[in-house]
Amino acid sequence: MDICMDCAVEDSVDDKRDAVQLVCVQSLSKQVTPADLEVGRVYPALKDIRHVSVRIAVDLVKYIYEAKLAMRMPEPENIDACVQSQLYSPFYATAAIVQNSS
């Protein structure tokens, strides 16, 4: 399994695939609120996808360091900031239209 972030893991994580998947599933399940369940959702609301994804990634990176599978040493002081710094931003600066005066 390949983690696409600066907190990359070594190839031996493939041997721990079940444990890695379990960490992700447990992280996701902790984020399902009583309000979600009340309206029949078994997953967090889609509007929270970015936050949910960050929490899963943070929990996974923490596990990877605890399990001694990380390649990047030392462990980042702030794993949340490490993960946040790797996020794709769907927001773009507004482009200015320049008209040619010739």
PDB file of N, CA and C in Angstrom:
ATOM      1  N   MET A   1       0.860  -1.172   0.000  1.00  0.00           N
ATOM      2  CA  MET A   1       0.000   0.000   0.000  1.00  0.00           C
ATOM      3  C   MET A   1       0.898   1.224   0.000  1.00  0.00           C
ATOM      4  N   ASP A   2       0.577   2.174  -0.824  1.00  0.00           N
ATOM      5  CA  ASP A   2       1.391   3.370  -0.958  1.00  0.00           C
ATOM      6  C   ASP A   2       0.642   4.550  -0.370  1.00  0.00           C
ATOM      7  N   ILE A   3       1.280   5.304   0.490  1.00  0.00           N
ATOM      8  CA  ILE A   3       0.680   6.497   1.063  1.00  0.00           C
ATOM      9  C   ILE A   3       1.255   7.676   0.305  1.00  0.00           C
ATOM     10  N   CYS A   4       0.397   8.457  -0.295  1.00  0.00           N
ATOM     11  CA  CYS A   4       0.837   9.561  -1.138  1.00  0.00           C
ATOM     12  C   CYS A   4       0.993  10.820  -0.300  1.00  0.00           C
ATOM     13  N   MET A   5       2.023  10.885   0.473  1.00  0.00           N
ATOM     14  CA  MET A   5       2.294  12.072   1.269  1.00  0.00           C
ATOM     15  C   MET A   5       3.751  12.034   1.684  1.00  0.00           C
ATOM     16  N   ASP A   6       4.217  13.125   2.218  1.00  0.00           N
ATOM     17  CA  ASP A   6       5.611  13.234   2.630  1.00  0.00           C
ATOM     18  C   ASP A   6       5.931  12.261   3.754  1.00  0.00           C
ATOM     19  N   CYS A   7       4.925  11.830   4.478  1.00  0.00           N
ATOM     20  CA  CYS A   7       5.117  10.880   5.574  1.00  0.00           C
ATOM     21  C   CYS A   7       5.031   9.466   4.997  1.00  0.00           C
ATOM     22  N   ALA A   8       5.816   9.191   3.959  1.00  0.00           N
ATOM     23  CA  ALA A   8       5.735   7.934   3.212  1.00  0.00           C
ATOM     24  C   ALA A   8       6.116   6.741   4.073  1.00  0.00           C
ATOM     25  N   VAL A   9       5.628   5.591   3.681  1.00  0.00           N
ATOM     26  CA  VAL A   9       5.905   4.365   4.418  1.00  0.00           C
ATOM     27  C   VAL A   9       6.742   3.433   3.564  1.00  0.00           C
ATOM     28  N   GLU A  10       7.413   2.532   4.235  1.00  0.00           N
ATOM     29  CA  GLU A  10       8.232   1.575   3.505  1.00  0.00           C
ATOM     30  C   GLU A  10       7.367   0.477   2.885  1.00  0.00           C
ATOM     31  N   ASP A  11       7.963  -0.262   1.963  1.00  0.00           N
ATOM     32  CA  ASP A  11       7.222  -1.287   1.224  1.00  0.00           C
ATOM     33  C   ASP A  11       6.655  -2.385   2.113  1.00  0.00           C
ATOM     34  N   SER A  12       7.244  -2.609   3.277  1.00  0.00           N
ATOM     35  CA  SER A  12       6.772  -3.696   4.131  1.00  0.00           C
ATOM     36  C   SER A  12       5.368  -3.454   4.672  1.00  0.00           C
ATOM     37  N   VAL A  13       4.812  -2.274   4.425  1.00  0.00           N
ATOM     38  CA  VAL A  13       3.440  -2.027   4.880  1.00  0.00           C
ATOM     39  C   VAL A  13       2.474  -2.980   4.176  1.00  0.00           C
ATOM     40  N   ASP A  14       2.841  -3.493   2.997  1.00  0.00           N
ATOM     41  CA  ASP A  14       1.994  -4.469   2.310  1.00  0.00           C
ATOM     42  C   ASP A  14       1.736  -5.685   3.195  1.00  0.00           C
ATOM     43  N   ASP A  15       2.716  -6.032   4.014  1.00  0.00           N
ATOM     44  CA  ASP A  15       2.555  -7.159   4.925  1.00  0.00           C
ATOM     45  C   ASP A  15       1.556  -6.838   6.042  1.00  0.00           C
ATOM     46  N   LYS A  16       1.262  -5.573   6.219  1.00  0.00           N
ATOM     47  CA  LYS A  16       0.375  -5.127   7.293  1.00  0.00           C
ATOM     48  C   LYS A  16      -0.946  -4.589   6.744  1.00  0.00           C
ATOM     49  N   ARG A  17      -1.281  -4.981   5.524  1.00  0.00           N
ATOM     50  CA  ARG A  17      -2.456  -4.445   4.836  1.00  0.00           C
ATOM     51  C   ARG A  17      -3.726  -4.515   5.698  1.00  0.00           C
ATOM     52  N   ASP A  18      -3.977  -5.646   6.337  1.00  0.00           N
ATOM     53  CA  ASP A  18      -5.197  -5.785   7.145  1.00  0.00           C
ATOM     54  C   ASP A  18      -5.203  -4.799   8.306  1.00  0.00           C
ATOM     55  N   ALA A  19      -4.060  -4.641   8.960  1.00  0.00           N
ATOM     56  CA  ALA A  19      -3.976  -3.711  10.091  1.00  0.00           C
ATOM     57  C   ALA A  19      -4.187  -2.277   9.621  1.00  0.00           C
ATOM     58  N   VAL A  20      -3.616  -1.925   8.482  1.00  0.00           N
ATOM     59  CA  VAL A  20      -3.765  -0.579   7.930  1.00  0.00           C
ATOM     60  C   VAL A  20      -5.228  -0.318   7.579  1.00  0.00           C
ATOM     61  N   GLN A  21      -5.866  -1.277   6.947  1.00  0.00           N
ATOM     62  CA  GLN A  21      -7.277  -1.120   6.604  1.00  0.00           C
ATOM     63  C   GLN A  21      -8.136  -1.005   7.863  1.00  0.00           C
ATOM     64  N   LEU A  22      -7.808  -1.770   8.876  1.00  0.00           N
ATOM     65  CA  LEU A  22      -8.560  -1.714  10.127  1.00  0.00           C
ATOM     66  C   LEU A  22      -8.433  -0.338  10.776  1.00  0.00           C
ATOM     67  N   VAL A  23      -7.247   0.235  10.761  1.00  0.00           N
ATOM     68  CA  VAL A  23      -7.052   1.585  11.314  1.00  0.00           C
ATOM     69  C   VAL A  23      -7.949   2.573  10.582  1.00  0.00           C
ATOM     70  N   CYS A  24      -8.004   2.476   9.269  1.00  0.00           N
ATOM     71  CA  CYS A  24      -8.837   3.392   8.478  1.00  0.00           C
ATOM     72  C   CYS A  24     -10.322   3.200   8.776  1.00  0.00           C
ATOM     73  N   VAL A  25     -10.755   1.959   8.854  1.00  0.00           N
ATOM     74  CA  VAL A  25     -12.165   1.670   9.126  1.00  0.00           C
ATOM     75  C   VAL A  25     -12.552   2.141  10.528  1.00  0.00           C
ATOM     76  N   GLN A  26     -11.681   1.917  11.494  1.00  0.00           N
ATOM     77  CA  GLN A  26     -11.974   2.368  12.859  1.00  0.00           C
ATOM     78  C   GLN A  26     -12.040   3.889  12.928  1.00  0.00           C
ATOM     79  N   SER A  27     -11.136   4.552  12.235  1.00  0.00           N
ATOM     80  CA  SER A  27     -11.149   6.012  12.214  1.00  0.00           C
ATOM     81  C   SER A  27     -12.444   6.531  11.597  1.00  0.00           C
ATOM     82  N   LEU A  28     -12.846   5.927  10.493  1.00  0.00           N
ATOM     83  CA  LEU A  28     -14.095   6.328   9.840  1.00  0.00           C
ATOM     84  C   LEU A  28     -15.287   6.097  10.757  1.00  0.00           C
ATOM     85  N   SER A  29     -15.335   4.935  11.396  1.00  0.00           N
ATOM     86  CA  SER A  29     -16.499   4.615  12.242  1.00  0.00           C
ATOM     87  C   SER A  29     -16.610   5.551  13.440  1.00  0.00           C
ATOM     88  N   LYS A  30     -15.477   6.034  13.945  1.00  0.00           N
ATOM     89  CA  LYS A  30     -15.506   6.969  15.082  1.00  0.00           C
ATOM     90  C   LYS A  30     -16.097   8.317  14.684  1.00  0.00           C
ATOM     91  N   GLN A  31     -16.136   8.583  13.396  1.00  0.00           N
ATOM     92  CA  GLN A  31     -16.608   9.883  12.930  1.00  0.00           C
ATOM     93  C   GLN A  31     -18.093   9.898  12.568  1.00  0.00           C
ATOM     94  N   VAL A  32     -18.738   8.755  12.665  1.00  0.00           N
ATOM     95  CA  VAL A  32     -20.178   8.689  12.444  1.00  0.00           C
ATOM     96  C   VAL A  32     -20.850   9.174  13.729  1.00  0.00           C
ATOM     97  N   THR A  33     -21.657  10.213  13.604  1.00  0.00           N
ATOM     98  CA  THR A  33     -22.293  10.822  14.780  1.00  0.00           C
ATOM     99  C   THR A  33     -23.676  10.218  15.027  1.00  0.00           C
ATOM    100  N   PRO A  34     -24.202  10.404  16.215  1.00  0.00           N
ATOM    101  CA  PRO A  34     -25.578   9.980  16.469  1.00  0.00           C
ATOM    102  C   PRO A  34     -26.560  10.650  15.497  1.00  0.00           C
ATOM    103  N   ALA A  35     -26.282  11.892  15.123  1.00  0.00           N
ATOM    104  CA  ALA A  35     -27.150  12.586  14.157  1.00  0.00           C
ATOM    105  C   ALA A  35     -27.115  11.889  12.798  1.00  0.00           C
ATOM    106  N   ASP A  36     -25.943  11.393  12.396  1.00  0.00           N
ATOM    107  CA  ASP A  36     -25.848  10.633  11.146  1.00  0.00           C
ATOM    108  C   ASP A  36     -26.727   9.388  11.220  1.00  0.00           C
ATOM    109  N   LEU A  37     -26.591   8.657  12.317  1.00  0.00           N
ATOM    110  CA  LEU A  37     -27.359   7.424  12.485  1.00  0.00           C
ATOM    111  C   LEU A  37     -28.856   7.695  12.545  1.00  0.00           C
ATOM    112  N   GLU A  38     -29.207   8.804  13.166  1.00  0.00           N
ATOM    113  CA  GLU A  38     -30.619   9.162  13.314  1.00  0.00           C
ATOM    114  C   GLU A  38     -31.310   9.358  11.960  1.00  0.00           C
ATOM    115  N   VAL A  39     -30.573   9.879  10.994  1.00  0.00           N
ATOM    116  CA  VAL A  39     -31.162  10.081   9.664  1.00  0.00           C
ATOM    117  C   VAL A  39     -30.874   8.908   8.721  1.00  0.00           C
ATOM    118  N   GLY A  40     -30.296   7.826   9.269  1.00  0.00           N
ATOM    119  CA  GLY A  40     -30.093   6.615   8.488  1.00  0.00           C
ATOM    120  C   GLY A  40     -28.753   6.515   7.772  1.00  0.00           C
ATOM    121  N   ARG A  41     -27.830   7.411   8.074  1.00  0.00           N
ATOM    122  CA  ARG A  41     -26.501   7.334   7.450  1.00  0.00           C
ATOM    123  C   ARG A  41     -25.605   6.419   8.267  1.00  0.00           C
ATOM    124  N   VAL A  42     -24.844   5.573   7.595  1.00  0.00           N
ATOM    125  CA  VAL A  42     -23.856   4.737   8.276  1.00  0.00           C
ATOM    126  C   VAL A  42     -22.450   5.285   8.076  1.00  0.00           C
ATOM    127  N   TYR A  43     -22.341   6.367   7.312  1.00  0.00           N
ATOM    128  CA  TYR A  43     -21.086   7.083   7.095  1.00  0.00           C
ATOM    129  C   TYR A  43     -21.319   8.551   7.441  1.00  0.00           C
ATOM    130  N   PRO A  44     -20.244   9.286   7.715  1.00  0.00           N
ATOM    131  CA  PRO A  44     -20.419  10.726   7.942  1.00  0.00           C
ATOM    132  C   PRO A  44     -20.989  11.401   6.693  1.00  0.00           C
ATOM    133  N   ALA A  45     -21.586  12.567   6.888  1.00  0.00           N
ATOM    134  CA  ALA A  45     -22.179  13.303   5.775  1.00  0.00           C
ATOM    135  C   ALA A  45     -21.113  13.684   4.742  1.00  0.00           C
ATOM    136  N   LEU A  46     -21.500  13.673   3.487  1.00  0.00           N
ATOM    137  CA  LEU A  46     -20.582  13.991   2.401  1.00  0.00           C
ATOM    138  C   LEU A  46     -20.018  15.403   2.529  1.00  0.00           C
ATOM    139  N   LYS A  47     -20.786  16.306   3.097  1.00  0.00           N
ATOM    140  CA  LYS A  47     -20.295  17.683   3.267  1.00  0.00           C
ATOM    141  C   LYS A  47     -19.064  17.732   4.176  1.00  0.00           C
ATOM    142  N   ASP A  48     -18.834  16.689   4.943  1.00  0.00           N
ATOM    143  CA  ASP A  48     -17.695  16.619   5.864  1.00  0.00           C
ATOM    144  C   ASP A  48     -16.536  15.787   5.321  1.00  0.00           C
ATOM    145  N   ILE A  49     -16.573  15.457   4.031  1.00  0.00           N
ATOM    146  CA  ILE A  49     -15.605  14.517   3.465  1.00  0.00           C
ATOM    147  C   ILE A  49     -14.155  14.948   3.656  1.00  0.00           C
ATOM    148  N   ARG A  50     -13.890  16.237   3.502  1.00  0.00           N
ATOM    149  CA  ARG A  50     -12.510  16.709   3.640  1.00  0.00           C
ATOM    150  C   ARG A  50     -12.013  16.510   5.072  1.00  0.00           C
ATOM    151  N   HIS A  51     -12.805  16.903   6.034  1.00  0.00           N
ATOM    152  CA  HIS A  51     -12.433  16.742   7.440  1.00  0.00           C
ATOM    153  C   HIS A  51     -12.287  15.254   7.792  1.00  0.00           C
ATOM    154  N   VAL A  52     -13.218  14.446   7.343  1.00  0.00           N
ATOM    155  CA  VAL A  52     -13.187  13.004   7.616  1.00  0.00           C
ATOM    156  C   VAL A  52     -11.915  12.388   7.018  1.00  0.00           C
ATOM    157  N   SER A  53     -11.588  12.770   5.799  1.00  0.00           N
ATOM    158  CA  SER A  53     -10.394  12.244   5.132  1.00  0.00           C
ATOM    159  C   SER A  53      -9.122  12.618   5.882  1.00  0.00           C
ATOM    160  N   VAL A  54      -9.062  13.847   6.366  1.00  0.00           N
ATOM    161  CA  VAL A  54      -7.886  14.287   7.128  1.00  0.00           C
ATOM    162  C   VAL A  54      -7.763  13.478   8.409  1.00  0.00           C
ATOM    163  N   ARG A  55      -8.874  13.274   9.111  1.00  0.00           N
ATOM    164  CA  ARG A  55      -8.830  12.506  10.358  1.00  0.00           C
ATOM    165  C   ARG A  55      -8.359  11.078  10.097  1.00  0.00           C
ATOM    166  N   ILE A  56      -8.835  10.464   9.017  1.00  0.00           N
ATOM    167  CA  ILE A  56      -8.397   9.108   8.683  1.00  0.00           C
ATOM    168  C   ILE A  56      -6.899   9.099   8.399  1.00  0.00           C
ATOM    169  N   ALA A  57      -6.436  10.053   7.615  1.00  0.00           N
ATOM    170  CA  ALA A  57      -5.012  10.126   7.274  1.00  0.00           C
ATOM    171  C   ALA A  57      -4.154  10.342   8.521  1.00  0.00           C
ATOM    172  N   VAL A  58      -4.589  11.212   9.418  1.00  0.00           N
ATOM    173  CA  VAL A  58      -3.840  11.461  10.656  1.00  0.00           C
ATOM    174  C   VAL A  58      -3.765  10.186  11.487  1.00  0.00           C
ATOM    175  N   ASP A  59      -4.885   9.506  11.643  1.00  0.00           N
ATOM    176  CA  ASP A  59      -4.891   8.258  12.411  1.00  0.00           C
ATOM    177  C   ASP A  59      -3.988   7.215  11.755  1.00  0.00           C
ATOM    178  N   LEU A  60      -3.994   7.162  10.436  1.00  0.00           N
ATOM    179  CA  LEU A  60      -3.155   6.197   9.723  1.00  0.00           C
ATOM    180  C   LEU A  60      -1.681   6.524   9.891  1.00  0.00           C
ATOM    181  N   VAL A  61      -1.316   7.777   9.757  1.00  0.00           N
ATOM    182  CA  VAL A  61       0.093   8.160   9.928  1.00  0.00           C
ATOM    183  C   VAL A  61       0.556   7.854  11.351  1.00  0.00           C
ATOM    184  N   LYS A  62      -0.293   8.129  12.344  1.00  0.00           N
ATOM    185  CA  LYS A  62       0.058   7.814  13.728  1.00  0.00           C
ATOM    186  C   LYS A  62       0.318   6.317  13.880  1.00  0.00           C
ATOM    187  N   TYR A  63      -0.547   5.498  13.292  1.00  0.00           N
ATOM    188  CA  TYR A  63      -0.355   4.039  13.363  1.00  0.00           C
ATOM    189  C   TYR A  63       0.956   3.640  12.690  1.00  0.00           C
ATOM    190  N   ILE A  64       1.224   4.221  11.530  1.00  0.00           N
ATOM    191  CA  ILE A  64       2.427   3.867  10.773  1.00  0.00           C
ATOM    192  C   ILE A  64       3.692   4.147  11.592  1.00  0.00           C
ATOM    193  N   TYR A  65       3.696   5.266  12.306  1.00  0.00           N
ATOM    194  CA  TYR A  65       4.852   5.557  13.162  1.00  0.00           C
ATOM    195  C   TYR A  65       4.891   4.622  14.369  1.00  0.00           C
ATOM    196  N   GLU A  66       3.744   4.366  14.985  1.00  0.00           N
ATOM    197  CA  GLU A  66       3.711   3.460  16.139  1.00  0.00           C
ATOM    198  C   GLU A  66       4.164   2.052  15.755  1.00  0.00           C
ATOM    199  N   ALA A  67       3.807   1.616  14.552  1.00  0.00           N
ATOM    200  CA  ALA A  67       4.154   0.272  14.079  1.00  0.00           C
ATOM    201  C   ALA A  67       5.557   0.213  13.477  1.00  0.00           C
ATOM    202  N   LYS A  68       6.263   1.345  13.508  1.00  0.00           N
ATOM    203  CA  LYS A  68       7.636   1.421  12.988  1.00  0.00           C
ATOM    204  C   LYS A  68       7.705   1.095  11.497  1.00  0.00           C
ATOM    205  N   LEU A  69       6.711   1.569  10.738  1.00  0.00           N
ATOM    206  CA  LEU A  69       6.666   1.345   9.297  1.00  0.00           C
ATOM    207  C   LEU A  69       7.041   2.592   8.501  1.00  0.00           C
ATOM    208  N   ALA A  70       7.266   3.689   9.188  1.00  0.00           N
ATOM    209  CA  ALA A  70       7.523   4.954   8.501  1.00  0.00           C
ATOM    210  C   ALA A  70       8.947   5.016   7.974  1.00  0.00           C
ATOM    211  N   MET A  71       9.079   5.646   6.820  1.00  0.00           N
ATOM    212  CA  MET A  71      10.411   5.870   6.249  1.00  0.00           C
ATOM    213  C   MET A  71      10.939   7.244   6.654  1.00  0.00           C
ATOM    214  N   ARG A  72      10.067   8.182   6.867  1.00  0.00           N
ATOM    215  CA  ARG A  72      10.492   9.536   7.210  1.00  0.00           C
ATOM    216  C   ARG A  72      10.729   9.614   8.716  1.00  0.00           C
ATOM    217  N   MET A  73      11.937   9.932   9.071  1.00  0.00           N
ATOM    218  CA  MET A  73      12.289  10.067  10.478  1.00  0.00           C
ATOM    219  C   MET A  73      12.945  11.420  10.672  1.00  0.00           C
ATOM    220  N   PRO A  74      12.775  12.049  11.781  1.00  0.00           N
ATOM    221  CA  PRO A  74      11.925  11.629  12.884  1.00  0.00           C
ATOM    222  C   PRO A  74      10.453  11.877  12.566  1.00  0.00           C
ATOM    223  N   GLU A  75       9.609  11.378  13.420  1.00  0.00           N
ATOM    224  CA  GLU A  75       8.169  11.594  13.283  1.00  0.00           C
ATOM    225  C   GLU A  75       7.885  13.098  13.341  1.00  0.00           C
ATOM    226  N   PRO A  76       7.012  13.577  12.468  1.00  0.00           N
ATOM    227  CA  PRO A  76       6.684  15.004  12.519  1.00  0.00           C
ATOM    228  C   PRO A  76       6.141  15.386  13.893  1.00  0.00           C
ATOM    229  N   GLU A  77       6.523  16.562  14.363  1.00  0.00           N
ATOM    230  CA  GLU A  77       6.020  17.025  15.660  1.00  0.00           C
ATOM    231  C   GLU A  77       4.506  17.194  15.630  1.00  0.00           C
ATOM    232  N   ASN A  78       4.005  17.630  14.485  1.00  0.00           N
ATOM    233  CA  ASN A  78       2.570  17.871  14.346  1.00  0.00           C
ATOM    234  C   ASN A  78       2.074  17.090  13.133  1.00  0.00           C
ATOM    235  N   ILE A  79       1.570  15.884  13.373  1.00  0.00           N
ATOM    236  CA  ILE A  79       1.120  15.021  12.281  1.00  0.00           C
ATOM    237  C   ILE A  79      -0.050  15.652  11.550  1.00  0.00           C
ATOM    238  N   ASP A  80      -0.937  16.307  12.277  1.00  0.00           N
ATOM    239  CA  ASP A  80      -2.082  16.959  11.642  1.00  0.00           C
ATOM    240  C   ASP A  80      -1.597  17.990  10.624  1.00  0.00           C
ATOM    241  N   ALA A  81      -0.617  18.801  11.006  1.00  0.00           N
ATOM    242  CA  ALA A  81      -0.068  19.814  10.084  1.00  0.00           C
ATOM    243  C   ALA A  81       0.633  19.148   8.906  1.00  0.00           C
ATOM    244  N   CYS A  82       1.314  18.039   9.155  1.00  0.00           N
ATOM    245  CA  CYS A  82       1.979  17.296   8.077  1.00  0.00           C
ATOM    246  C   CYS A  82       0.955  16.840   7.048  1.00  0.00           C
ATOM    247  N   VAL A  83      -0.130  16.265   7.513  1.00  0.00           N
ATOM    248  CA  VAL A  83      -1.186  15.801   6.610  1.00  0.00           C
ATOM    249  C   VAL A  83      -1.832  16.982   5.900  1.00  0.00           C
ATOM    250  N   GLN A  84      -2.160  18.021   6.647  1.00  0.00           N
ATOM    251  CA  GLN A  84      -2.797  19.206   6.052  1.00  0.00           C
ATOM    252  C   GLN A  84      -1.925  19.799   4.949  1.00  0.00           C
ATOM    253  N   SER A  85      -0.604  19.777   5.140  1.00  0.00           N
ATOM    254  CA  SER A  85       0.299  20.368   4.147  1.00  0.00           C
ATOM    255  C   SER A  85       0.322  19.588   2.838  1.00  0.00           C
ATOM    256  N   GLN A  86      -0.163  18.366   2.862  1.00  0.00           N
ATOM    257  CA  GLN A  86      -0.152  17.520   1.668  1.00  0.00           C
ATOM    258  C   GLN A  86      -1.494  17.505   0.938  1.00  0.00           C
ATOM    259  N   LEU A  87      -2.486  18.185   1.475  1.00  0.00           N
ATOM    260  CA  LEU A  87      -3.820  18.161   0.880  1.00  0.00           C
ATOM    261  C   LEU A  87      -3.877  18.892  -0.453  1.00  0.00           C
ATOM    262  N   TYR A  88      -4.646  18.360  -1.346  1.00  0.00           N
ATOM    263  CA  TYR A  88      -4.958  19.033  -2.600  1.00  0.00           C
ATOM    264  C   TYR A  88      -5.970  20.130  -2.293  1.00  0.00           C
ATOM    265  N   SER A  89      -5.772  21.286  -2.889  1.00  0.00           N
ATOM    266  CA  SER A  89      -6.730  22.377  -2.705  1.00  0.00           C
ATOM    267  C   SER A  89      -7.555  22.538  -3.975  1.00  0.00           C
ATOM    268  N   PRO A  90      -8.873  22.412  -3.844  1.00  0.00           N
ATOM    269  CA  PRO A  90      -9.730  22.566  -5.032  1.00  0.00           C
ATOM    270  C   PRO A  90     -10.008  24.023  -5.371  1.00  0.00           C
ATOM    271  N   PHE A  91      -9.382  24.937  -4.649  1.00  0.00           N
ATOM    272  CA  PHE A  91      -9.636  26.356  -4.863  1.00  0.00           C
ATOM    273  C   PHE A  91      -8.520  26.965  -5.705  1.00  0.00           C
ATOM    274  N   TYR A  92      -8.901  27.771  -6.660  1.00  0.00           N
ATOM    275  CA  TYR A  92      -7.943  28.391  -7.562  1.00  0.00           C
ATOM    276  C   TYR A  92      -8.044  29.907  -7.455  1.00  0.00           C
ATOM    277  N   ALA A  93      -6.932  30.555  -7.666  1.00  0.00           N
ATOM    278  CA  ALA A  93      -6.946  32.019  -7.715  1.00  0.00           C
ATOM    279  C   ALA A  93      -7.686  32.427  -8.983  1.00  0.00           C
ATOM    280  N   THR A  94      -8.380  33.527  -8.912  1.00  0.00           N
ATOM    281  CA  THR A  94      -9.110  34.024 -10.071  1.00  0.00           C
ATOM    282  C   THR A  94      -8.112  34.531 -11.098  1.00  0.00           C
ATOM    283  N   ALA A  95      -8.299  34.092 -12.303  1.00  0.00           N
ATOM    284  CA  ALA A  95      -7.418  34.536 -13.387  1.00  0.00           C
ATOM    285  C   ALA A  95      -7.914  35.859 -13.956  1.00  0.00           C
ATOM    286  N   ALA A  96      -7.008  36.767 -14.188  1.00  0.00           N
ATOM    287  CA  ALA A  96      -7.366  38.053 -14.764  1.00  0.00           C
ATOM    288  C   ALA A  96      -7.262  37.944 -16.280  1.00  0.00           C
ATOM    289  N   ILE A  97      -8.237  38.496 -16.972  1.00  0.00           N
ATOM    290  CA  ILE A  97      -8.226  38.504 -18.429  1.00  0.00           C
ATOM    291  C   ILE A  97      -7.532  39.780 -18.876  1.00  0.00           C
ATOM    292  N   VAL A  98      -6.473  39.617 -19.622  1.00  0.00           N
ATOM    293  CA  VAL A  98      -5.706  40.769 -20.105  1.00  0.00           C
ATOM    294  C   VAL A  98      -6.033  40.948 -21.578  1.00  0.00           C
ATOM    295  N   GLN A  99      -6.500  42.112 -21.917  1.00  0.00           N
ATOM    296  CA  GLN A  99      -6.832  42.390 -23.318  1.00  0.00           C
ATOM    297  C   GLN A  99      -5.639  43.022 -24.000  1.00  0.00           C
ATOM    298  N   ASN A 100      -5.393  42.540 -25.183  1.00  0.00           N
ATOM    299  CA  ASN A 100      -4.283  43.057 -25.988  1.00  0.00           C
ATOM    300  C   ASN A 100      -4.725  44.382 -26.618  1.00  0.00           C
ATOM    301  N   SER A 101      -3.951  45.442 -26.445  1.00  0.00           N
ATOM    302  CA  SER A 101      -4.329  46.761 -26.968  1.00  0.00           C
ATOM    303  C   SER A 101      -3.891  46.985 -28.404  1.00  0.00           C
ATOM    304  N   SER A 102      -3.308  46.019 -29.062  1.00  0.00           N
ATOM    305  CA  SER A 102      -2.871  46.224 -30.441  1.00  0.00           C
ATOM    306  C   SER A 102      -3.924  45.874 -31.449  1.00  0.00           C
TER     307      SER A 102
END
